[in-house]
C-alpha atoms as a PDB file:
ATOM      1  CA  UNK A   1      99.709 147.683 125.616  1.00  0.00           C
ATOM      2  CA  UNK A   2     101.905 147.588 122.826  1.00  0.00           C
ATOM      3  CA  UNK A   3     105.271 145.243 122.840  1.00  0.00           C
ATOM      4  CA  UNK A   4     108.292 147.473 122.319  1.00  0.00           C
ATOM      5  CA  UNK A   5     111.965 146.205 120.819  1.00  0.00           C
ATOM      6  CA  UNK A   6     114.828 148.282 123.370  1.00  0.00           C
ATOM      7  CA  UNK A   7     118.595 147.805 123.531  1.00  0.00           C
ATOM      8  CA  UNK A   8     119.798 145.704 126.348  1.00  0.00           C
ATOM      9  CA  UNK A   9     123.069 144.597 127.246  1.00  0.00           C
ATOM     10  CA  UNK A  10     122.442 141.034 127.316  1.00  0.00           C
ATOM     11  CA  UNK A  11     122.327 140.605 123.727  1.00  0.00           C
ATOM     12  CA  UNK A  12     119.777 139.671 120.829  1.00  0.00           C
ATOM     13  CA  UNK A  13     117.494 137.233 122.696  1.00  0.00           C
ATOM     14  CA  UNK A  14     117.143 139.995 125.451  1.00  0.00           C
ATOM     15  CA  UNK A  15     116.083 142.365 123.037  1.00  0.00           C
ATOM     16  CA  UNK A  16     112.380 140.887 123.251  1.00  0.00           C
ATOM     17  CA  UNK A  17     110.142 142.256 125.676  1.00  0.00           C
ATOM     18  CA  UNK A  18     106.767 142.403 126.774  1.00  0.00           C
ATOM     19  CA  UNK A  19     105.320 145.561 129.130  1.00  0.00           C
ATOM     20  CA  UNK A  20     103.471 144.152 132.492  1.00  0.00           C
ATOM     21  CA  UNK A  21     101.910 147.993 134.264  1.00  0.00           C
ATOM     22  CA  UNK A  22     105.209 149.748 134.227  1.00  0.00           C
ATOM     23  CA  UNK A  23     108.170 147.265 134.137  1.00  0.00           C
ATOM     24  CA  UNK A  24     109.633 145.327 131.060  1.00  0.00           C
ATOM     25  CA  UNK A  25     110.352 142.487 131.428  1.00  0.00           C
ATOM     26  CA  UNK A  26     112.840 139.751 128.991  1.00  0.00           C
ATOM     27  CA  UNK A  27     111.143 136.941 127.127  1.00  0.00           C
ATOM     28  CA  UNK A  28     112.941 134.360 129.650  1.00  0.00           C
ATOM     29  CA  UNK A  29     110.421 135.967 132.298  1.00  0.00           C
ATOM     30  CA  UNK A  30     107.404 135.595 130.404  1.00  0.00           C
ATOM     31  CA  UNK A  31     108.464 131.500 129.606  1.00  0.00           C
ATOM     32  CA  UNK A  32     109.137 130.641 133.046  1.00  0.00           C
ATOM     33  CA  UNK A  33     105.546 132.268 134.611  1.00  0.00           C
ATOM     34  CA  UNK A  34     104.003 130.023 131.596  1.00  0.00           C
ATOM     35  CA  UNK A  35     104.685 126.836 133.705  1.00  0.00           C
ATOM     36  CA  UNK A  36     102.412 128.368 136.664  1.00  0.00           C
ATOM     37  CA  UNK A  37      99.745 130.232 134.189  1.00  0.00           C
ATOM     38  CA  UNK A  38      96.431 128.783 133.198  1.00  0.00           C
ATOM     39  CA  UNK A  39      96.047 127.178 129.767  1.00  0.00           C
ATOM     40  CA  UNK A  40      94.414 130.390 128.893  1.00  0.00           C
ATOM     41  CA  UNK A  41      96.602 132.927 130.102  1.00  0.00           C
ATOM     42  CA  UNK A  42     100.060 130.415 128.498  1.00  0.00           C
ATOM     43  CA  UNK A  43      98.207 131.061 125.219  1.00  0.00           C
ATOM     44  CA  UNK A  44      98.122 134.816 125.592  1.00  0.00           C
ATOM     45  CA  UNK A  45     101.629 134.749 126.942  1.00  0.00           C
ATOM     46  CA  UNK A  46     102.860 132.960 123.891  1.00  0.00           C
ATOM     47  CA  UNK A  47     101.302 134.782 121.153  1.00  0.00           C
ATOM     48  CA  UNK A  48     102.523 138.135 123.038  1.00  0.00           C
ATOM     49  CA  UNK A  49     105.517 137.131 121.965  1.00  0.00           C
ATOM     50  CA  UNK A  50     105.041 135.785 118.558  1.00  0.00           C
ATOM     51  CA  UNK A  51     104.014 139.499 118.013  1.00  0.00           C
ATOM     52  CA  UNK A  52     106.608 140.777 119.772  1.00  0.00           C
ATOM     53  CA  UNK A  53     109.001 138.402 117.090  1.00  0.00           C
ATOM     54  CA  UNK A  54     107.260 140.114 114.619  1.00  0.00           C
ATOM     55  CA  UNK A  55     108.147 143.389 115.315  1.00  0.00           C
ATOM     56  CA  UNK A  56     111.395 142.301 116.101  1.00  0.00           C
ATOM     57  CA  UNK A  57     111.623 140.756 111.897  1.00  0.00           C
ATOM     58  CA  UNK A  58     110.633 144.351 110.831  1.00  0.00           C
ATOM     59  CA  UNK A  59     113.542 145.723 112.884  1.00  0.00           C
ATOM     60  CA  UNK A  60     115.923 143.425 111.276  1.00  0.00           C
ATOM     61  CA  UNK A  61     114.777 144.090 107.704  1.00  0.00           C
ATOM     62  CA  UNK A  62     114.827 147.778 108.335  1.00  0.00           C
ATOM     63  CA  UNK A  63     117.845 148.146 111.104  1.00  0.00           C
ATOM     64  CA  UNK A  64     118.331 151.478 112.767  1.00  0.00           C
ATOM     65  CA  UNK A  65     122.113 149.651 113.572  1.00  0.00           C
ATOM     66  CA  UNK A  66     123.242 146.104 112.376  1.00  0.00           C
ATOM     67  CA  UNK A  67     123.511 143.886 115.448  1.00  0.00           C
ATOM     68  CA  UNK A  68     126.169 141.098 114.021  1.00  0.00           C
ATOM     69  CA  UNK A  69     125.016 137.480 114.736  1.00  0.00           C
ATOM     70  CA  UNK A  70     126.292 134.190 113.563  1.00  0.00           C
ATOM     71  CA  UNK A  71     124.230 131.296 112.769  1.00  0.00           C
ATOM     72  CA  UNK A  72     125.633 127.736 113.835  1.00  0.00           C
ATOM     73  CA  UNK A  73     123.709 125.310 111.781  1.00  0.00           C
ATOM     74  CA  UNK A  74     124.470 121.282 112.295  1.00  0.00           C
ATOM     75  CA  UNK A  75     122.078 117.915 111.933  1.00  0.00           C
ATOM     76  CA  UNK A  76     122.166 114.861 114.419  1.00  0.00           C
ATOM     77  CA  UNK A  77     120.544 111.476 112.582  1.00  0.00           C
ATOM     78  CA  UNK A  78     119.078 108.829 114.615  1.00  0.00           C
ATOM     79  CA  UNK A  79     119.628 105.345 113.782  1.00  0.00           C
ATOM     80  CA  UNK A  80     116.359 102.983 114.218  1.00  0.00           C
ATOM     81  CA  UNK A  81     115.674 102.599 117.640  1.00  0.00           C
ATOM     82  CA  UNK A  82     118.188 104.835 119.086  1.00  0.00           C
ATOM     83  CA  UNK A  83     114.969 107.581 119.895  1.00  0.00           C
ATOM     84  CA  UNK A  84     111.589 106.430 120.458  1.00  0.00           C
ATOM     85  CA  UNK A  85     109.927 109.995 119.232  1.00  0.00           C
ATOM     86  CA  UNK A  86     112.338 109.986 116.614  1.00  0.00           C
ATOM     87  CA  UNK A  87     111.482 106.650 115.462  1.00  0.00           C
ATOM     88  CA  UNK A  88     107.642 108.163 115.020  1.00  0.00           C
ATOM     89  CA  UNK A  89     109.081 110.660 112.641  1.00  0.00           C
ATOM     90  CA  UNK A  90     110.796 107.615 110.726  1.00  0.00           C
ATOM     91  CA  UNK A  91     107.692 105.525 110.706  1.00  0.00           C
ATOM     92  CA  UNK A  92     105.010 108.595 109.437  1.00  0.00           C
ATOM     93  CA  UNK A  93     106.651 110.874 106.679  1.00  0.00           C
ATOM     94  CA  UNK A  94     104.019 113.210 106.862  1.00  0.00           C
ATOM     95  CA  UNK A  95     105.221 114.408 110.396  1.00  0.00           C
ATOM     96  CA  UNK A  96     107.415 117.477 111.025  1.00  0.00           C
ATOM     97  CA  UNK A  97     108.256 119.098 113.981  1.00  0.00           C
ATOM     98  CA  UNK A  98     109.695 122.742 114.389  1.00  0.00           C
ATOM     99  CA  UNK A  99     110.865 124.227 118.181  1.00  0.00           C
ATOM    100  CA  UNK A 100     112.036 127.105 119.549  1.00  0.00           C
ATOM    101  CA  UNK A 101     114.434 126.288 122.650  1.00  0.00           C
ATOM    102  CA  UNK A 102     115.450 129.392 125.002  1.00  0.00           C
ATOM    103  CA  UNK A 103     117.737 128.708 127.351  1.00  0.00           C
ATOM    104  CA  UNK A 104     119.876 131.597 129.239  1.00  0.00           C
ATOM    105  CA  UNK A 105     121.553 129.215 131.740  1.00  0.00           C
ATOM    106  CA  UNK A 106     122.328 125.167 132.230  1.00  0.00           C
ATOM    107  CA  UNK A 107     119.677 125.139 135.117  1.00  0.00           C
ATOM    108  CA  UNK A 108     116.452 125.452 132.911  1.00  0.00           C
ATOM    109  CA  UNK A 109     115.322 125.379 129.764  1.00  0.00           C
ATOM    110  CA  UNK A 110     111.741 126.349 127.900  1.00  0.00           C
ATOM    111  CA  UNK A 111     110.919 125.109 124.266  1.00  0.00           C
ATOM    112  CA  UNK A 112     107.773 125.651 121.990  1.00  0.00           C
ATOM    113  CA  UNK A 113     107.222 122.760 119.365  1.00  0.00           C
ATOM    114  CA  UNK A 114     104.541 122.822 116.742  1.00  0.00           C
ATOM    115  CA  UNK A 115     104.412 119.262 115.206  1.00  0.00           C
ATOM    116  CA  UNK A 116     102.052 118.687 112.044  1.00  0.00           C
ATOM    117  CA  UNK A 117     101.575 116.018 109.690  1.00  0.00           C
ATOM    118  CA  UNK A 118      98.489 113.868 108.642  1.00  0.00           C
ATOM    119  CA  UNK A 119      95.603 113.269 111.652  1.00  0.00           C
ATOM    120  CA  UNK A 120      96.314 110.022 112.112  1.00  0.00           C
ATOM    121  CA  UNK A 121      99.921 110.346 111.738  1.00  0.00           C
ATOM    122  CA  UNK A 122      99.512 113.065 115.205  1.00  0.00           C
ATOM    123  CA  UNK A 123      96.920 110.756 116.579  1.00  0.00           C
ATOM    124  CA  UNK A 124      99.776 107.983 117.431  1.00  0.00           C
ATOM    125  CA  UNK A 125     102.179 110.759 118.296  1.00  0.00           C
ATOM    126  CA  UNK A 126     100.235 112.513 121.072  1.00  0.00           C
ATOM    127  CA  UNK A 127     100.865 110.471 123.896  1.00  0.00           C
ATOM    128  CA  UNK A 128     104.640 111.188 123.760  1.00  0.00           C
ATOM    129  CA  UNK A 129     104.181 114.616 122.727  1.00  0.00           C
ATOM    130  CA  UNK A 130     102.163 114.947 126.292  1.00  0.00           C
ATOM    131  CA  UNK A 131     104.292 112.072 128.228  1.00  0.00           C
ATOM    132  CA  UNK A 132     106.226 114.382 130.463  1.00  0.00           C
ATOM    133  CA  UNK A 133     108.387 110.645 131.450  1.00  0.00           C
ATOM    134  CA  UNK A 134     109.347 110.478 127.816  1.00  0.00           C
ATOM    135  CA  UNK A 135     113.012 111.686 127.387  1.00  0.00           C
ATOM    136  CA  UNK A 136     113.401 113.909 124.220  1.00  0.00           C
ATOM    137  CA  UNK A 137     115.699 116.761 124.795  1.00  0.00           C
ATOM    138  CA  UNK A 138     118.986 113.989 126.074  1.00  0.00           C
ATOM    139  CA  UNK A 139     121.683 113.590 122.896  1.00  0.00           C
ATOM    140  CA  UNK A 140     123.660 110.700 125.050  1.00  0.00           C
ATOM    141  CA  UNK A 141     120.723 108.082 125.376  1.00  0.00           C
ATOM    142  CA  UNK A 142     121.012 109.284 129.452  1.00  0.00           C
ATOM    143  CA  UNK A 143     117.710 110.620 131.016  1.00  0.00           C
ATOM    144  CA  UNK A 144     117.839 113.937 132.245  1.00  0.00           C
ATOM    145  CA  UNK A 145     117.748 114.627 136.110  1.00  0.00           C
ATOM    146  CA  UNK A 146     115.393 117.487 136.059  1.00  0.00           C
ATOM    147  CA  UNK A 147     111.774 118.719 136.611  1.00  0.00           C
ATOM    148  CA  UNK A 148     109.827 118.210 133.150  1.00  0.00           C
ATOM    149  CA  UNK A 149     106.202 119.703 132.372  1.00  0.00           C
ATOM    150  CA  UNK A 150     104.381 119.861 129.128  1.00  0.00           C
ATOM    151  CA  UNK A 151     101.258 121.635 128.129  1.00  0.00           C
ATOM    152  CA  UNK A 152      98.782 121.264 124.955  1.00  0.00           C
ATOM    153  CA  UNK A 153      98.383 124.954 123.530  1.00  0.00           C
ATOM    154  CA  UNK A 154      96.884 123.671 119.850  1.00  0.00           C
ATOM    155  CA  UNK A 155      94.884 120.953 119.126  1.00  0.00           C
ATOM    156  CA  UNK A 156      94.051 121.347 115.481  1.00  0.00           C
ATOM    157  CA  UNK A 157      93.181 118.500 112.732  1.00  0.00           C
ATOM    158  CA  UNK A 158      96.645 118.250 111.181  1.00  0.00           C
ATOM    159  CA  UNK A 159      98.511 120.394 113.910  1.00  0.00           C
ATOM    160  CA  UNK A 160      99.776 120.520 117.671  1.00  0.00           C
ATOM    161  CA  UNK A 161     101.510 122.558 119.626  1.00  0.00           C
ATOM    162  CA  UNK A 162     102.690 122.131 122.949  1.00  0.00           C
ATOM    163  CA  UNK A 163     105.176 124.257 125.698  1.00  0.00           C
ATOM    164  CA  UNK A 164     107.509 122.462 127.735  1.00  0.00           C
ATOM    165  CA  UNK A 165     109.357 123.792 130.793  1.00  0.00           C
ATOM    166  CA  UNK A 166     112.351 121.577 131.899  1.00  0.00           C
ATOM    167  CA  UNK A 167     113.712 122.872 135.388  1.00  0.00           C
ATOM    168  CA  UNK A 168     115.674 122.211 138.689  1.00  0.00           C
ATOM    169  CA  UNK A 169     118.140 120.574 135.999  1.00  0.00           C
ATOM    170  CA  UNK A 170     120.896 118.533 137.826  1.00  0.00           C
ATOM    171  CA  UNK A 171     122.000 116.857 134.645  1.00  0.00           C
ATOM    172  CA  UNK A 172     120.731 116.985 130.952  1.00  0.00           C
ATOM    173  CA  UNK A 173     122.909 116.479 127.976  1.00  0.00           C
ATOM    174  CA  UNK A 174     120.632 118.319 125.596  1.00  0.00           C
ATOM    175  CA  UNK A 175     121.986 120.459 123.054  1.00  0.00           C
ATOM    176  CA  UNK A 176     120.758 124.137 124.785  1.00  0.00           C
ATOM    177  CA  UNK A 177     121.823 123.311 128.144  1.00  0.00           C
ATOM    178  CA  UNK A 178     125.465 122.184 126.762  1.00  0.00           C
ATOM    179  CA  UNK A 179     125.637 125.326 124.735  1.00  0.00           C
ATOM    180  CA  UNK A 180     124.700 127.536 128.119  1.00  0.00           C
ATOM    181  CA  UNK A 181     127.454 126.113 129.769  1.00  0.00           C
ATOM    182  CA  UNK A 182     130.141 127.848 126.804  1.00  0.00           C
ATOM    183  CA  UNK A 183     128.253 130.850 125.267  1.00  0.00           C
ATOM    184  CA  UNK A 184     127.382 133.776 127.745  1.00  0.00           C
ATOM    185  CA  UNK A 185     124.831 136.450 126.810  1.00  0.00           C
ATOM    186  CA  UNK A 186     121.946 134.194 126.081  1.00  0.00           C
ATOM    187  CA  UNK A 187     121.372 132.021 122.959  1.00  0.00           C
ATOM    188  CA  UNK A 188     118.117 130.777 120.686  1.00  0.00           C
ATOM    189  CA  UNK A 189     117.849 127.837 119.058  1.00  0.00           C
ATOM    190  CA  UNK A 190     115.698 126.424 116.457  1.00  0.00           C
ATOM    191  CA  UNK A 191     115.187 122.850 115.819  1.00  0.00           C
ATOM    192  CA  UNK A 192     113.606 121.070 112.959  1.00  0.00           C
ATOM    193  CA  UNK A 193     112.772 117.489 112.973  1.00  0.00           C
ATOM    194  CA  UNK A 194     111.841 115.263 110.272  1.00  0.00           C
ATOM    195  CA  UNK A 195     112.510 111.364 109.127  1.00  0.00           C
ATOM    196  CA  UNK A 196     115.401 110.167 111.255  1.00  0.00           C
ATOM    197  CA  UNK A 197     117.032 114.066 111.137  1.00  0.00           C
ATOM    198  CA  UNK A 198     116.653 116.347 113.810  1.00  0.00           C
ATOM    199  CA  UNK A 199     118.162 120.201 112.312  1.00  0.00           C
ATOM    200  CA  UNK A 200     119.940 122.726 114.663  1.00  0.00           C
ATOM    201  CA  UNK A 201     120.367 126.572 114.335  1.00  0.00           C
ATOM    202  CA  UNK A 202     122.107 128.190 117.075  1.00  0.00           C
ATOM    203  CA  UNK A 203     122.023 131.758 117.050  1.00  0.00           C
ATOM    204  CA  UNK A 204     124.841 133.075 119.105  1.00  0.00           C
ATOM    205  CA  UNK A 205     126.652 136.503 119.356  1.00  0.00           C
ATOM    206  CA  UNK A 206     130.015 135.807 119.804  1.00  0.00           C
ATOM    207  CA  UNK A 207     131.945 132.780 117.979  1.00  0.00           C
ATOM    208  CA  UNK A 208     135.190 132.344 119.443  1.00  0.00           C
ATOM    209  CA  UNK A 209     133.873 128.799 121.649  1.00  0.00           C
ATOM    210  CA  UNK A 210     131.955 127.232 118.928  1.00  0.00           C
ATOM    211  CA  UNK A 211     134.593 125.169 118.216  1.00  0.00           C
ATOM    212  CA  UNK A 212     134.397 123.874 122.076  1.00  0.00           C
ATOM    213  CA  UNK A 213     130.532 123.347 121.207  1.00  0.00           C
ATOM    214  CA  UNK A 214     131.360 121.221 118.296  1.00  0.00           C
ATOM    215  CA  UNK A 215     133.654 119.229 120.090  1.00  0.00           C
ATOM    216  CA  UNK A 216     131.414 118.590 123.142  1.00  0.00           C
ATOM    217  CA  UNK A 217     127.796 117.599 120.771  1.00  0.00           C
ATOM    218  CA  UNK A 218     130.422 115.418 119.045  1.00  0.00           C
ATOM    219  CA  UNK A 219     131.658 113.686 121.962  1.00  0.00           C
ATOM    220  CA  UNK A 220     128.491 113.570 123.849  1.00  0.00           C
ATOM    221  CA  UNK A 221     126.821 111.866 121.284  1.00  0.00           C
ATOM    222  CA  UNK A 222     125.000 108.492 122.090  1.00  0.00           C
ATOM    223  CA  UNK A 223     125.025 105.053 120.161  1.00  0.00           C
ATOM    224  CA  UNK A 224     123.448 105.709 116.684  1.00  0.00           C
ATOM    225  CA  UNK A 225     123.395 108.871 116.701  1.00  0.00           C
ATOM    226  CA  UNK A 226     125.591 110.718 114.026  1.00  0.00           C
ATOM    227  CA  UNK A 227     126.725 114.357 113.802  1.00  0.00           C
ATOM    228  CA  UNK A 228     126.845 116.201 110.915  1.00  0.00           C
ATOM    229  CA  UNK A 229     128.079 119.854 110.392  1.00  0.00           C
ATOM    230  CA  UNK A 230     126.366 122.399 107.986  1.00  0.00           C
ATOM    231  CA  UNK A 231     127.531 126.089 107.939  1.00  0.00           C
ATOM    232  CA  UNK A 232     129.177 128.483 110.650  1.00  0.00           C
ATOM    233  CA  UNK A 233     127.911 132.190 108.972  1.00  0.00           C
ATOM    234  CA  UNK A 234     127.800 135.625 109.838  1.00  0.00           C
ATOM    235  CA  UNK A 235     123.907 137.625 110.207  1.00  0.00           C
ATOM    236  CA  UNK A 236     122.072 139.958 110.841  1.00  0.00           C
ATOM    237  CA  UNK A 237     118.854 139.087 111.348  1.00  0.00           C
ATOM    238  CA  UNK A 238     116.755 135.410 111.665  1.00  0.00           C
ATOM    239  CA  UNK A 239     113.162 134.390 111.095  1.00  0.00           C
ATOM    240  CA  UNK A 240     111.596 131.719 112.473  1.00  0.00           C
ATOM    241  CA  UNK A 241     108.434 129.993 110.978  1.00  0.00           C
ATOM    242  CA  UNK A 242     107.047 128.969 114.095  1.00  0.00           C
ATOM    243  CA  UNK A 243     107.209 132.295 116.049  1.00  0.00           C
ATOM    244  CA  UNK A 244     106.194 134.876 112.655  1.00  0.00           C
ATOM    245  CA  UNK A 245     103.312 136.882 112.272  1.00  0.00           C
ATOM    246  CA  UNK A 246     100.197 135.170 112.817  1.00  0.00           C
ATOM    247  CA  UNK A 247      98.520 136.825 109.853  1.00  0.00           C
ATOM    248  CA  UNK A 248      97.179 133.273 108.683  1.00  0.00           C
ATOM    249  CA  UNK A 249      94.129 132.114 110.785  1.00  0.00           C
ATOM    250  CA  UNK A 250      94.268 128.383 112.198  1.00  0.00           C
ATOM    251  CA  UNK A 251      91.038 127.398 109.693  1.00  0.00           C
ATOM    252  CA  UNK A 252      93.170 128.938 106.975  1.00  0.00           C
ATOM    253  CA  UNK A 253      96.029 127.450 107.639  1.00  0.00           C
ATOM    254  CA  UNK A 254      94.608 123.952 107.964  1.00  0.00           C
ATOM    255  CA  UNK A 255      92.744 124.409 104.431  1.00  0.00           C
ATOM    256  CA  UNK A 256      96.678 125.837 102.854  1.00  0.00           C
ATOM    257  CA  UNK A 257      98.407 122.443 104.298  1.00  0.00           C
ATOM    258  CA  UNK A 258      95.755 120.112 102.973  1.00  0.00           C
ATOM    259  CA  UNK A 259      95.804 121.961  99.887  1.00  0.00           C
ATOM    260  CA  UNK A 260      99.539 121.909  99.570  1.00  0.00           C
ATOM    261  CA  UNK A 261      99.771 118.216 100.610  1.00  0.00           C
ATOM    262  CA  UNK A 262      97.112 116.795  98.051  1.00  0.00           C
ATOM    263  CA  UNK A 263      98.485 118.608  95.139  1.00  0.00           C
ATOM    264  CA  UNK A 264      95.976 121.395  94.722  1.00  0.00           C
ATOM    265  CA  UNK A 265      98.591 124.010  93.585  1.00  0.00           C
ATOM    266  CA  UNK A 266     100.465 121.372  91.044  1.00  0.00           C
ATOM    267  CA  UNK A 267     100.120 121.684  87.482  1.00  0.00           C
ATOM    268  CA  UNK A 268      98.115 119.984  86.123  1.00  0.00           C
ATOM    269  CA  UNK A 269      96.208 120.327  89.721  1.00  0.00           C
ATOM    270  CA  UNK A 270      95.776 116.851  91.696  1.00  0.00           C
ATOM    271  CA  UNK A 271      92.738 117.684  93.749  1.00  0.00           C
ATOM    272  CA  UNK A 272      89.866 119.728  93.022  1.00  0.00           C
ATOM    273  CA  UNK A 273      88.160 121.933  95.385  1.00  0.00           C
ATOM    274  CA  UNK A 274      85.074 119.760  95.712  1.00  0.00           C
ATOM    275  CA  UNK A 275      87.375 116.780  96.615  1.00  0.00           C
ATOM    276  CA  UNK A 276      89.177 118.940  99.334  1.00  0.00           C
ATOM    277  CA  UNK A 277      85.861 120.039 100.437  1.00  0.00           C
ATOM    278  CA  UNK A 278      85.129 116.125 100.596  1.00  0.00           C
ATOM    279  CA  UNK A 279      88.028 115.109 102.771  1.00  0.00           C
ATOM    280  CA  UNK A 280      87.683 118.020 104.941  1.00  0.00           C
ATOM    281  CA  UNK A 281      84.022 117.787 105.679  1.00  0.00           C
ATOM    282  CA  UNK A 282      83.353 121.256 104.786  1.00  0.00           C
ATOM    283  CA  UNK A 283      80.843 123.154 101.955  1.00  0.00           C
ATOM    284  CA  UNK A 284      82.980 124.231  99.197  1.00  0.00           C
ATOM    285  CA  UNK A 285      82.461 127.511  99.570  1.00  0.00           C
ATOM    286  CA  UNK A 286      84.459 127.866 102.961  1.00  0.00           C
ATOM    287  CA  UNK A 287      87.023 125.894 101.466  1.00  0.00           C
ATOM    288  CA  UNK A 288      87.591 128.527  98.354  1.00  0.00           C
ATOM    289  CA  UNK A 289      86.942 131.367 100.916  1.00  0.00           C
ATOM    290  CA  UNK A 290      89.671 130.142 103.072  1.00  0.00           C
ATOM    291  CA  UNK A 291      91.689 129.195 100.972  1.00  0.00           C
ATOM    292  CA  UNK A 292      91.742 132.849  98.816  1.00  0.00           C
ATOM    293  CA  UNK A 293      92.337 134.188 102.380  1.00  0.00           C
ATOM    294  CA  UNK A 294      95.257 132.212 103.106  1.00  0.00           C
ATOM    295  CA  UNK A 295      96.808 132.624  99.893  1.00  0.00           C
ATOM    296  CA  UNK A 296      96.740 136.543  99.927  1.00  0.00           C
ATOM    297  CA  UNK A 297      98.150 136.690 103.119  1.00  0.00           C
ATOM    298  CA  UNK A 298     100.996 134.925 101.942  1.00  0.00           C
ATOM    299  CA  UNK A 299     101.445 137.084  99.202  1.00  0.00           C
ATOM    300  CA  UNK A 300     101.138 140.496 101.144  1.00  0.00           C
ATOM    301  CA  UNK A 301     103.640 139.184 103.296  1.00  0.00           C
ATOM    302  CA  UNK A 302     106.221 137.924 100.536  1.00  0.00           C
ATOM    303  CA  UNK A 303     105.639 141.632  98.964  1.00  0.00           C
ATOM    304  CA  UNK A 304     106.318 143.444 102.280  1.00  0.00           C
ATOM    305  CA  UNK A 305     109.732 141.150 102.689  1.00  0.00           C
ATOM    306  CA  UNK A 306     111.069 141.869  99.097  1.00  0.00           C
ATOM    307  CA  UNK A 307     110.786 146.017 100.323  1.00  0.00           C
END
């Protein structure tokens, strides 16, 4: 059954629903169940979330009524050796991580993370991605006292997608869990990780406690971490590349990324189709076809966003 957008008192985050039978369920319910589902079921659930987000994006671009939100963006910079996971991104320039966090109270946290990069760099990060003993949430240097499970949802040559569920939180100084102590009504978080910098975007309905959140985050930072405020702005819609509509197939996305990385779209071109085909170990005709389809979908998406 098709997803639908409804007005719900809990706020913007709660506007995302999927229909199961005759009852509506918030996104938090879908994510919390994903921890107990099979691998295939989990993928299906998260694909539903992406589809629902696409509906919400359309509603944001053509709204019936504007819901005013606030985008609080800041960056945390890490010194070498301060965080094992960040160190990998500092040592390998091709690595990039995008993650969406959902946290409605300080006791549990859900994360959908996409890591992209060169195959050799991704292979180096694989062990840490799936190692549930590796602390990736805390900003204080103190380990979280919680239960943490991670599942690999997508494994491609240049991309990994993982789902992490942190539950039974007794103590954890993670950005989303700290924010949940100050902000009611649900909060959505987007995190981008490149090099020594982790960029956070926090979407809230009420900015009255952002000052307290700012002070707390700054005070909680562990040794070797520094905090940089970027902006606090009003927004009426907020799109995420990680949960955007899935118009580009995985095989097309991979070829598109390699083409960009190797300079195919530069002037003059730094690589030919033949060279791309050789690197990807695919027929030239296949590379050409997938690249045309990917660029066509991107062009359609861009045109639709301008309407």
